[in-house]
Amino acid sequence: MSIEFTGRRHAVAAARVAFEASVQGKDVWCSISMDALNDHFGNTGTSSHELIKTFEANRLRIEDAARRVLEQNGGQSVELETRDFD
Protein backbone atom coordinates (compact mmCIF):
# COMPACT_ATOMS: atom_id res chain seq x y z
CA MET A 1 0.00 0.00 0.00
CA SER A 2 1.45 3.37 -1.01
CA ILE A 3 1.21 5.90 1.85
CA GLU A 4 2.72 9.39 1.78
CA PHE A 5 2.19 12.25 4.22
CA THR A 6 1.53 15.59 2.55
CA GLY A 7 2.76 17.91 5.30
CA ARG A 8 -0.64 19.58 5.70
CA ARG A 9 -1.64 19.76 9.36
CA HIS A 10 -3.66 21.94 11.73
CA ALA A 11 -4.99 21.96 15.27
CA VAL A 12 -8.71 21.34 15.52
CA ALA A 13 -11.26 22.38 18.11
CA ALA A 14 -11.46 18.92 19.68
CA ALA A 15 -7.89 19.28 21.03
CA ARG A 16 -6.36 17.26 18.20
CA VAL A 17 -3.83 17.87 15.48
CA ALA A 18 -5.13 16.74 12.11
CA PHE A 19 -2.71 15.81 9.34
CA GLU A 20 -3.16 14.57 5.81
CA ALA A 21 -1.93 11.42 4.15
CA SER A 22 -2.21 10.26 0.58
CA VAL A 23 -3.14 6.57 0.44
CA GLN A 24 -3.02 5.03 -3.02
CA GLY A 25 -3.54 8.56 -4.39
CA LYS A 26 -6.57 9.27 -2.17
CA ASP A 27 -6.38 12.06 0.44
CA VAL A 28 -7.09 10.77 3.94
CA TRP A 29 -7.16 12.84 7.12
CA CYS A 30 -5.52 11.50 10.25
CA SER A 31 -5.35 13.04 13.70
CA ILE A 32 -3.65 12.66 17.05
CA SER A 33 -5.25 13.56 20.37
CA MET A 34 -3.89 16.08 22.81
CA ASP A 35 -3.78 13.27 25.41
CA ALA A 36 -1.44 11.24 23.18
CA LEU A 37 0.74 14.33 22.61
CA ASN A 38 0.83 14.91 26.39
CA ASP A 39 1.39 11.29 27.40
CA HIS A 40 4.02 10.30 24.84
CA PHE A 41 5.62 13.47 23.49
CA GLY A 42 5.87 15.82 26.47
CA ASN A 43 3.29 18.38 25.36
CA THR A 44 2.22 20.63 28.23
CA GLY A 45 0.28 23.36 26.44
CA THR A 46 -3.29 23.57 25.22
CA SER A 47 -2.92 26.22 22.53
CA SER A 48 -2.93 25.29 18.87
CA HIS A 49 0.62 26.66 18.66
CA GLU A 50 1.86 24.27 21.37
CA LEU A 51 0.02 21.29 19.89
CA ILE A 52 1.47 21.90 16.43
CA LYS A 53 4.95 22.49 17.90
CA THR A 54 4.83 19.15 19.71
CA PHE A 55 3.45 17.42 16.60
CA GLU A 56 6.22 18.84 14.39
CA ALA A 57 8.95 17.84 16.86
CA ASN A 58 7.65 14.25 16.79
CA ARG A 59 6.24 14.04 13.27
CA LEU A 60 8.17 10.93 12.17
CA ARG A 61 7.08 8.79 15.12
CA ILE A 62 3.48 10.00 14.80
CA GLU A 63 3.43 9.32 11.06
CA ASP A 64 4.89 5.84 11.66
CA ALA A 65 2.01 5.07 14.04
CA ALA A 66 -0.52 6.45 11.55
CA ARG A 67 1.06 4.38 8.76
CA ARG A 68 0.65 1.19 10.85
CA VAL A 69 -3.03 1.93 11.46
CA LEU A 70 -3.65 2.93 7.81
CA GLU A 71 -2.15 -0.37 6.67
CA GLN A 72 -4.34 -2.28 9.15
CA ASN A 73 -7.59 -0.47 8.35
CA GLY A 74 -7.25 -0.42 4.58
CA GLY A 75 -6.48 3.29 4.28
CA GLN A 76 -9.41 4.76 6.20
CA SER A 77 -9.20 7.85 8.44
CA VAL A 78 -7.09 7.45 11.57
CA GLU A 79 -7.61 9.00 15.01
CA LEU A 80 -4.49 8.24 17.03
CA GLU A 81 -4.93 7.98 20.80
CA THR A 82 -2.57 7.27 23.68
CA ARG A 83 -3.03 3.48 23.26
CA ASP A 84 -1.59 3.66 19.73
CA PHE A 85 1.84 4.44 21.20
CA ASP A 86 2.00 1.87 24.01
C-alpha atoms as a PDB file:
ATOM      1  CA  MET A   1       0.000   0.000   0.000  1.00  0.00           C
ATOM      2  CA  SER A   2       1.449   3.366  -1.006  1.00  0.00           C
ATOM      3  CA  ILE A   3       1.209   5.898   1.852  1.00  0.00           C
ATOM      4  CA  GLU A   4       2.723   9.391   1.784  1.00  0.00           C
ATOM      5  CA  PHE A   5       2.191  12.245   4.224  1.00  0.00           C
ATOM      6  CA  THR A   6       1.526  15.594   2.549  1.00  0.00           C
ATOM      7  CA  GLY A   7       2.760  17.908   5.299  1.00  0.00           C
ATOM      8  CA  ARG A   8      -0.639  19.580   5.701  1.00  0.00           C
ATOM      9  CA  ARG A   9      -1.640  19.762   9.363  1.00  0.00           C
ATOM     10  CA  HIS A  10      -3.657  21.942  11.727  1.00  0.00           C
ATOM     11  CA  ALA A  11      -4.993  21.963  15.266  1.00  0.00           C
ATOM     12  CA  VAL A  12      -8.707  21.341  15.518  1.00  0.00           C
ATOM     13  CA  ALA A  13     -11.262  22.376  18.113  1.00  0.00           C
ATOM     14  CA  ALA A  14     -11.457  18.921  19.678  1.00  0.00           C
ATOM     15  CA  ALA A  15      -7.888  19.282  21.031  1.00  0.00           C
ATOM     16  CA  ARG A  16      -6.360  17.263  18.203  1.00  0.00           C
ATOM     17  CA  VAL A  17      -3.826  17.870  15.479  1.00  0.00           C
ATOM     18  CA  ALA A  18      -5.135  16.744  12.106  1.00  0.00           C
ATOM     19  CA  PHE A  19      -2.711  15.809   9.338  1.00  0.00           C
ATOM     20  CA  GLU A  20      -3.162  14.573   5.815  1.00  0.00           C
ATOM     21  CA  ALA A  21      -1.927  11.419   4.152  1.00  0.00           C
ATOM     22  CA  SER A  22      -2.215  10.256   0.575  1.00  0.00           C
ATOM     23  CA  VAL A  23      -3.140   6.566   0.439  1.00  0.00           C
ATOM     24  CA  GLN A  24      -3.018   5.033  -3.019  1.00  0.00           C
ATOM     25  CA  GLY A  25      -3.539   8.558  -4.391  1.00  0.00           C
ATOM     26  CA  LYS A  26      -6.571   9.268  -2.167  1.00  0.00           C
ATOM     27  CA  ASP A  27      -6.385  12.059   0.439  1.00  0.00           C
ATOM     28  CA  VAL A  28      -7.093  10.766   3.935  1.00  0.00           C
ATOM     29  CA  TRP A  29      -7.162  12.842   7.115  1.00  0.00           C
ATOM     30  CA  CYS A  30      -5.521  11.499  10.249  1.00  0.00           C
ATOM     31  CA  SER A  31      -5.352  13.036  13.701  1.00  0.00           C
ATOM     32  CA  ILE A  32      -3.648  12.662  17.053  1.00  0.00           C
ATOM     33  CA  SER A  33      -5.253  13.555  20.366  1.00  0.00           C
ATOM     34  CA  MET A  34      -3.889  16.080  22.811  1.00  0.00           C
ATOM     35  CA  ASP A  35      -3.782  13.267  25.406  1.00  0.00           C
ATOM     36  CA  ALA A  36      -1.438  11.243  23.183  1.00  0.00           C
ATOM     37  CA  LEU A  37       0.735  14.334  22.610  1.00  0.00           C
ATOM     38  CA  ASN A  38       0.830  14.914  26.391  1.00  0.00           C
ATOM     39  CA  ASP A  39       1.391  11.285  27.398  1.00  0.00           C
ATOM     40  CA  HIS A  40       4.016  10.302  24.837  1.00  0.00           C
ATOM     41  CA  PHE A  41       5.617  13.466  23.488  1.00  0.00           C
ATOM     42  CA  GLY A  42       5.870  15.816  26.473  1.00  0.00           C
ATOM     43  CA  ASN A  43       3.295  18.380  25.361  1.00  0.00           C
ATOM     44  CA  THR A  44       2.219  20.626  28.232  1.00  0.00           C
ATOM     45  CA  GLY A  45       0.276  23.357  26.441  1.00  0.00           C
ATOM     46  CA  THR A  46      -3.287  23.569  25.217  1.00  0.00           C
ATOM     47  CA  SER A  47      -2.917  26.225  22.530  1.00  0.00           C
ATOM     48  CA  SER A  48      -2.934  25.287  18.869  1.00  0.00           C
ATOM     49  CA  HIS A  49       0.623  26.658  18.660  1.00  0.00           C
ATOM     50  CA  GLU A  50       1.857  24.267  21.369  1.00  0.00           C
ATOM     51  CA  LEU A  51       0.015  21.287  19.887  1.00  0.00           C
ATOM     52  CA  ILE A  52       1.468  21.898  16.427  1.00  0.00           C
ATOM     53  CA  LYS A  53       4.948  22.492  17.897  1.00  0.00           C
ATOM     54  CA  THR A  54       4.832  19.145  19.708  1.00  0.00           C
ATOM     55  CA  PHE A  55       3.454  17.424  16.604  1.00  0.00           C
ATOM     56  CA  GLU A  56       6.222  18.837  14.387  1.00  0.00           C
ATOM     57  CA  ALA A  57       8.946  17.837  16.858  1.00  0.00           C
ATOM     58  CA  ASN A  58       7.655  14.249  16.787  1.00  0.00           C
ATOM     59  CA  ARG A  59       6.238  14.039  13.274  1.00  0.00           C
ATOM     60  CA  LEU A  60       8.166  10.932  12.171  1.00  0.00           C
ATOM     61  CA  ARG A  61       7.081   8.791  15.118  1.00  0.00           C
ATOM     62  CA  ILE A  62       3.477  10.002  14.800  1.00  0.00           C
ATOM     63  CA  GLU A  63       3.431   9.317  11.058  1.00  0.00           C
ATOM     64  CA  ASP A  64       4.893   5.841  11.662  1.00  0.00           C
ATOM     65  CA  ALA A  65       2.010   5.068  14.036  1.00  0.00           C
ATOM     66  CA  ALA A  66      -0.519   6.446  11.547  1.00  0.00           C
ATOM     67  CA  ARG A  67       1.060   4.383   8.762  1.00  0.00           C
ATOM     68  CA  ARG A  68       0.655   1.189  10.847  1.00  0.00           C
ATOM     69  CA  VAL A  69      -3.025   1.934  11.456  1.00  0.00           C
ATOM     70  CA  LEU A  70      -3.648   2.927   7.813  1.00  0.00           C
ATOM     71  CA  GLU A  71      -2.153  -0.367   6.672  1.00  0.00           C
ATOM     72  CA  GLN A  72      -4.338  -2.285   9.146  1.00  0.00           C
ATOM     73  CA  ASN A  73      -7.592  -0.474   8.355  1.00  0.00           C
ATOM     74  CA  GLY A  74      -7.253  -0.418   4.581  1.00  0.00           C
ATOM     75  CA  GLY A  75      -6.477   3.286   4.282  1.00  0.00           C
ATOM     76  CA  GLN A  76      -9.413   4.755   6.201  1.00  0.00           C
ATOM     77  CA  SER A  77      -9.197   7.849   8.445  1.00  0.00           C
ATOM     78  CA  VAL A  78      -7.086   7.449  11.569  1.00  0.00           C
ATOM     79  CA  GLU A  79      -7.612   9.005  15.005  1.00  0.00           C
ATOM     80  CA  LEU A  80      -4.487   8.238  17.033  1.00  0.00           C
ATOM     81  CA  GLU A  81      -4.928   7.983  20.797  1.00  0.00           C
ATOM     82  CA  THR A  82      -2.565   7.266  23.682  1.00  0.00           C
ATOM     83  CA  ARG A  83      -3.034   3.479  23.256  1.00  0.00           C
ATOM     84  CA  ASP A  84      -1.589   3.659  19.734  1.00  0.00           C
ATOM     85  CA  PHE A  85       1.844   4.443  21.202  1.00  0.00           C
ATOM     86  CA  ASP A  86       2.002   1.875  24.012  1.00  0.00           C
END
